[in-house]
Amino acid sequence: MRLTDYTDYTLRVLMFCALNPNRSVTIAELAESHAVSKNHLMKVVNDLARQGILQTTRGRGGGLRLLKPAADIRIGDVVRQTETDFRLVECFDSGHNTCTLTNQCQLKQVFWTAKQNFLAELDKVTLADVTRARPASQGPGHAAGGGVKGVPVSAIKRAAPRKSTTNSH
């Protein structure tokens, strides 16, 4: 299963705003920070504003900020709002299912249960949880020294992969 770029951008916008709670952030700085087109981000921001998650202010000194506390925004809800297709296999769509094994196959139930468990796991996590500093030992993607809280906005960029420095001797 792979989430769409739209979901990825949505989560990045929300995380960026959560990491900067005391000010409005701009689409320009989001675009620069994440190397994403302003047009893509405008669509994301407009959807989040319509959903009542972001407050947007136009004009000079404008920007966007969270309308809800980060602790009240569940990642599972965000993914459900942004993903348009949870049909993991053809047989999830009865209108287009041409699989000849459907009547004997139990795999559909396995995938359905896996999808439900995936979403249930995301429901346990809030935006505050994923923007809180954590020790490096708490899972993949966490650099030594914890998360990014307290890091200047200009420093929040995708890190280049590290080269291995271990000797093979």
C-alpha atoms as a PDB file:
ATOM      1  CA  MET A   1       0.000   0.000   0.000  1.00  0.00           C
ATOM      2  CA  ARG A   2       1.307   3.414  -0.896  1.00  0.00           C
ATOM      3  CA  LEU A   3      -0.183   6.731   0.135  1.00  0.00           C
ATOM      4  CA  THR A   4      -0.586   9.382  -2.547  1.00  0.00           C
ATOM      5  CA  ASP A   5       1.658  12.428  -2.846  1.00  0.00           C
ATOM      6  CA  TYR A   6      -1.411  14.485  -1.929  1.00  0.00           C
ATOM      7  CA  THR A   7      -1.613  12.759   1.448  1.00  0.00           C
ATOM      8  CA  ASP A   8       2.127  13.183   1.920  1.00  0.00           C
ATOM      9  CA  TYR A   9       1.893  16.934   1.209  1.00  0.00           C
ATOM     10  CA  THR A  10      -1.125  17.267   3.499  1.00  0.00           C
ATOM     11  CA  LEU A  11       0.726  15.647   6.374  1.00  0.00           C
ATOM     12  CA  ARG A  12       3.782  17.826   5.743  1.00  0.00           C
ATOM     13  CA  VAL A  13       1.697  21.014   5.792  1.00  0.00           C
ATOM     14  CA  LEU A  14       0.050  20.002   9.045  1.00  0.00           C
ATOM     15  CA  MET A  15       3.328  18.982  10.644  1.00  0.00           C
ATOM     16  CA  PHE A  16       5.028  22.198   9.571  1.00  0.00           C
ATOM     17  CA  CYS A  17       2.209  24.252  11.087  1.00  0.00           C
ATOM     18  CA  ALA A  18       2.310  22.178  14.283  1.00  0.00           C
ATOM     19  CA  LEU A  19       6.054  22.802  14.566  1.00  0.00           C
ATOM     20  CA  ASN A  20       5.437  26.544  14.240  1.00  0.00           C
ATOM     21  CA  PRO A  21       2.420  27.148  16.485  1.00  0.00           C
ATOM     22  CA  ASN A  22       3.244  30.744  17.429  1.00  0.00           C
ATOM     23  CA  ARG A  23       3.176  32.218  13.938  1.00  0.00           C
ATOM     24  CA  SER A  24       1.557  31.993  10.539  1.00  0.00           C
ATOM     25  CA  VAL A  25       3.521  30.080   7.950  1.00  0.00           C
ATOM     26  CA  THR A  26       3.384  30.837   4.250  1.00  0.00           C
ATOM     27  CA  ILE A  27       2.895  28.604   1.277  1.00  0.00           C
ATOM     28  CA  ALA A  28       6.135  29.983  -0.151  1.00  0.00           C
ATOM     29  CA  GLU A  29       8.157  28.789   2.835  1.00  0.00           C
ATOM     30  CA  LEU A  30       6.383  25.418   2.788  1.00  0.00           C
ATOM     31  CA  ALA A  31       7.156  25.042  -0.915  1.00  0.00           C
ATOM     32  CA  GLU A  32      10.803  25.958  -0.383  1.00  0.00           C
ATOM     33  CA  SER A  33      11.229  23.796   2.693  1.00  0.00           C
ATOM     34  CA  HIS A  34       9.748  20.673   1.095  1.00  0.00           C
ATOM     35  CA  ALA A  35      10.680  21.313  -2.551  1.00  0.00           C
ATOM     36  CA  VAL A  36       7.022  21.049  -3.559  1.00  0.00           C
ATOM     37  CA  SER A  37       5.152  23.206  -6.059  1.00  0.00           C
ATOM     38  CA  LYS A  38       3.176  26.125  -4.625  1.00  0.00           C
ATOM     39  CA  ASN A  39       0.213  25.094  -6.805  1.00  0.00           C
ATOM     40  CA  HIS A  40       0.093  21.627  -5.219  1.00  0.00           C
ATOM     41  CA  LEU A  41       0.293  23.154  -1.761  1.00  0.00           C
ATOM     42  CA  MET A  42      -2.478  25.666  -2.547  1.00  0.00           C
ATOM     43  CA  LYS A  43      -4.854  22.755  -3.253  1.00  0.00           C
ATOM     44  CA  VAL A  44      -3.865  21.040  -0.020  1.00  0.00           C
ATOM     45  CA  VAL A  45      -4.227  24.227   2.026  1.00  0.00           C
ATOM     46  CA  ASN A  46      -7.630  25.035   0.500  1.00  0.00           C
ATOM     47  CA  ASP A  47      -8.913  21.541   1.344  1.00  0.00           C
ATOM     48  CA  LEU A  48      -7.601  21.767   4.909  1.00  0.00           C
ATOM     49  CA  ALA A  49      -9.232  25.179   5.327  1.00  0.00           C
ATOM     50  CA  ARG A  50     -12.583  23.826   4.028  1.00  0.00           C
ATOM     51  CA  GLN A  51     -12.329  20.986   6.544  1.00  0.00           C
ATOM     52  CA  GLY A  52     -11.810  23.491   9.378  1.00  0.00           C
ATOM     53  CA  ILE A  53      -8.295  22.283  10.189  1.00  0.00           C
ATOM     54  CA  LEU A  54      -6.356  25.334   8.945  1.00  0.00           C
ATOM     55  CA  GLN A  55      -7.001  29.032   9.235  1.00  0.00           C
ATOM     56  CA  THR A  56      -5.806  31.001   6.235  1.00  0.00           C
ATOM     57  CA  THR A  57      -5.209  34.737   6.081  1.00  0.00           C
ATOM     58  CA  ARG A  58      -4.622  36.482   2.771  1.00  0.00           C
ATOM     59  CA  GLY A  59      -2.404  39.423   2.062  1.00  0.00           C
ATOM     60  CA  ARG A  60       0.725  40.889   3.552  1.00  0.00           C
ATOM     61  CA  GLY A  61       1.454  39.303   6.895  1.00  0.00           C
ATOM     62  CA  GLY A  62      -0.947  36.500   6.073  1.00  0.00           C
ATOM     63  CA  GLY A  63      -0.363  32.810   6.113  1.00  0.00           C
ATOM     64  CA  LEU A  64      -1.792  29.733   7.681  1.00  0.00           C
ATOM     65  CA  ARG A  65      -1.979  28.103  11.071  1.00  0.00           C
ATOM     66  CA  LEU A  66      -3.775  25.233  12.732  1.00  0.00           C
ATOM     67  CA  LEU A  67      -7.347  25.929  13.841  1.00  0.00           C
ATOM     68  CA  LYS A  68      -7.393  22.867  16.085  1.00  0.00           C
ATOM     69  CA  PRO A  69      -4.788  21.807  18.622  1.00  0.00           C
ATOM     70  CA  ALA A  70      -2.350  19.302  17.124  1.00  0.00           C
ATOM     71  CA  ALA A  71      -3.403  16.831  19.816  1.00  0.00           C
ATOM     72  CA  ASP A  72      -6.946  16.867  18.385  1.00  0.00           C
ATOM     73  CA  ILE A  73      -5.943  15.989  14.807  1.00  0.00           C
ATOM     74  CA  ARG A  74      -5.779  12.222  14.277  1.00  0.00           C
ATOM     75  CA  ILE A  75      -3.527  11.003  11.486  1.00  0.00           C
ATOM     76  CA  GLY A  76      -6.098   8.333  10.577  1.00  0.00           C
ATOM     77  CA  ASP A  77      -8.732  11.016   9.937  1.00  0.00           C
ATOM     78  CA  VAL A  78      -6.324  12.971   7.732  1.00  0.00           C
ATOM     79  CA  VAL A  79      -5.472   9.883   5.679  1.00  0.00           C
ATOM     80  CA  ARG A  80      -9.144   8.992   5.234  1.00  0.00           C
ATOM     81  CA  GLN A  81      -9.889  12.538   4.007  1.00  0.00           C
ATOM     82  CA  THR A  82      -7.021  12.630   1.515  1.00  0.00           C
ATOM     83  CA  GLU A  83      -6.865   9.102   0.137  1.00  0.00           C
ATOM     84  CA  THR A  84      -9.410   8.445  -2.578  1.00  0.00           C
ATOM     85  CA  ASP A  85      -8.906   4.740  -3.168  1.00  0.00           C
ATOM     86  CA  PHE A  86      -8.585   2.078  -0.511  1.00  0.00           C
ATOM     87  CA  ARG A  87      -9.274  -0.740  -2.986  1.00  0.00           C
ATOM     88  CA  LEU A  88      -6.150  -2.779  -2.347  1.00  0.00           C
ATOM     89  CA  VAL A  89      -7.113  -5.444  -4.873  1.00  0.00           C
ATOM     90  CA  GLU A  90      -9.542  -5.685  -7.782  1.00  0.00           C
ATOM     91  CA  CYS A  91     -12.186  -7.608  -5.846  1.00  0.00           C
ATOM     92  CA  PHE A  92     -12.700  -4.660  -3.451  1.00  0.00           C
ATOM     93  CA  ASP A  93     -14.580  -3.007  -6.326  1.00  0.00           C
ATOM     94  CA  SER A  94     -17.604  -5.160  -7.117  1.00  0.00           C
ATOM     95  CA  GLY A  95     -18.401  -3.054 -10.188  1.00  0.00           C
ATOM     96  CA  HIS A  96     -15.091  -3.857 -11.870  1.00  0.00           C
ATOM     97  CA  ASN A  97     -14.173  -7.225 -10.395  1.00  0.00           C
ATOM     98  CA  THR A  98     -13.315  -9.753 -13.085  1.00  0.00           C
ATOM     99  CA  CYS A  99     -11.370 -12.173 -10.887  1.00  0.00           C
ATOM    100  CA  THR A 100     -12.531 -15.743 -11.438  1.00  0.00           C
ATOM    101  CA  LEU A 101     -11.358 -16.802  -7.958  1.00  0.00           C
ATOM    102  CA  THR A 102     -13.617 -14.446  -6.003  1.00  0.00           C
ATOM    103  CA  ASN A 103     -16.049 -17.123  -4.804  1.00  0.00           C
ATOM    104  CA  GLN A 104     -13.292 -19.359  -3.422  1.00  0.00           C
ATOM    105  CA  CYS A 105     -10.754 -16.741  -2.364  1.00  0.00           C
ATOM    106  CA  GLN A 106     -10.230 -15.741   1.249  1.00  0.00           C
ATOM    107  CA  LEU A 107      -7.452 -13.261   0.438  1.00  0.00           C
ATOM    108  CA  LYS A 108      -9.911 -10.368   0.155  1.00  0.00           C
ATOM    109  CA  GLN A 109     -10.783 -10.782   3.844  1.00  0.00           C
ATOM    110  CA  VAL A 110      -7.093 -10.808   4.785  1.00  0.00           C
ATOM    111  CA  PHE A 111      -6.485  -7.555   2.883  1.00  0.00           C
ATOM    112  CA  TRP A 112      -9.636  -5.970   4.305  1.00  0.00           C
ATOM    113  CA  THR A 113      -8.526  -6.819   7.857  1.00  0.00           C
ATOM    114  CA  ALA A 114      -5.029  -5.486   7.150  1.00  0.00           C
ATOM    115  CA  LYS A 115      -6.483  -2.212   5.854  1.00  0.00           C
ATOM    116  CA  GLN A 116      -8.696  -1.870   8.926  1.00  0.00           C
ATOM    117  CA  ASN A 117      -5.722  -2.530  11.208  1.00  0.00           C
ATOM    118  CA  PHE A 118      -3.616   0.006   9.277  1.00  0.00           C
ATOM    119  CA  LEU A 119      -6.265   2.705   9.747  1.00  0.00           C
ATOM    120  CA  ALA A 120      -6.831   1.742  13.379  1.00  0.00           C
ATOM    121  CA  GLU A 121      -3.117   2.164  14.027  1.00  0.00           C
ATOM    122  CA  LEU A 122      -3.165   5.612  12.398  1.00  0.00           C
ATOM    123  CA  ASP A 123      -6.164   6.525  14.567  1.00  0.00           C
ATOM    124  CA  LYS A 124      -3.990   6.035  17.656  1.00  0.00           C
ATOM    125  CA  VAL A 125      -1.618   8.798  16.549  1.00  0.00           C
ATOM    126  CA  THR A 126      -2.188  12.554  16.600  1.00  0.00           C
ATOM    127  CA  LEU A 127      -0.402  15.371  14.858  1.00  0.00           C
ATOM    128  CA  ALA A 128       1.107  16.281  18.230  1.00  0.00           C
ATOM    129  CA  ASP A 129       2.544  12.768  18.517  1.00  0.00           C
ATOM    130  CA  VAL A 130       4.371  12.974  15.197  1.00  0.00           C
ATOM    131  CA  THR A 131       5.800  16.438  15.807  1.00  0.00           C
ATOM    132  CA  ARG A 132       7.090  15.801  19.319  1.00  0.00           C
ATOM    133  CA  ALA A 133      10.828  15.257  19.837  1.00  0.00           C
ATOM    134  CA  ARG A 134      11.617  11.577  20.373  1.00  0.00           C
ATOM    135  CA  PRO A 135      14.761   9.621  21.207  1.00  0.00           C
ATOM    136  CA  ALA A 136      16.470   8.019  18.210  1.00  0.00           C
ATOM    137  CA  SER A 137      15.676   4.561  19.565  1.00  0.00           C
ATOM    138  CA  GLN A 138      11.924   5.043  19.025  1.00  0.00           C
ATOM    139  CA  GLY A 139      11.584   3.877  15.474  1.00  0.00           C
ATOM    140  CA  PRO A 140      12.598   4.523  11.896  1.00  0.00           C
ATOM    141  CA  GLY A 141      13.274   7.975  10.557  1.00  0.00           C
ATOM    142  CA  HIS A 142      14.323   9.515  13.854  1.00  0.00           C
ATOM    143  CA  ALA A 143      17.762  11.075  13.776  1.00  0.00           C
ATOM    144  CA  ALA A 144      20.071  10.965  16.765  1.00  0.00           C
ATOM    145  CA  GLY A 145      19.109  13.632  19.215  1.00  0.00           C
ATOM    146  CA  GLY A 146      15.352  13.355  18.735  1.00  0.00           C
ATOM    147  CA  GLY A 147      12.868  15.072  16.489  1.00  0.00           C
ATOM    148  CA  VAL A 148      12.764  18.498  14.877  1.00  0.00           C
ATOM    149  CA  LYS A 149      11.037  20.508  17.568  1.00  0.00           C
ATOM    150  CA  GLY A 150      13.015  23.653  18.252  1.00  0.00           C
ATOM    151  CA  VAL A 151      14.872  23.430  14.958  1.00  0.00           C
ATOM    152  CA  PRO A 152      14.687  26.618  12.892  1.00  0.00           C
ATOM    153  CA  VAL A 153      12.198  26.399  10.042  1.00  0.00           C
ATOM    154  CA  SER A 154      15.004  26.943   7.521  1.00  0.00           C
ATOM    155  CA  ALA A 155      16.636  23.737   8.759  1.00  0.00           C
ATOM    156  CA  ILE A 156      13.586  21.508   8.183  1.00  0.00           C
ATOM    157  CA  LYS A 157      14.447  19.965   4.839  1.00  0.00           C
ATOM    158  CA  ARG A 158      14.791  16.461   3.541  1.00  0.00           C
ATOM    159  CA  ALA A 159      18.066  15.011   4.753  1.00  0.00           C
ATOM    160  CA  ALA A 160      20.434  13.477   2.235  1.00  0.00           C
ATOM    161  CA  PRO A 161      21.086   9.767   2.772  1.00  0.00           C
ATOM    162  CA  ARG A 162      24.154   9.161   4.901  1.00  0.00           C
ATOM    163  CA  LYS A 163      27.073   7.212   3.510  1.00  0.00           C
ATOM    164  CA  SER A 164      28.189   4.264   5.549  1.00  0.00           C
ATOM    165  CA  THR A 165      31.457   4.836   7.402  1.00  0.00           C
ATOM    166  CA  THR A 166      31.905   1.362   8.830  1.00  0.00           C
ATOM    167  CA  ASN A 167      34.956  -0.647   7.898  1.00  0.00           C
ATOM    168  CA  SER A 168      34.499  -4.038   6.363  1.00  0.00           C
ATOM    169  CA  HIS A 169      37.660  -5.440   8.015  1.00  0.00           C
END
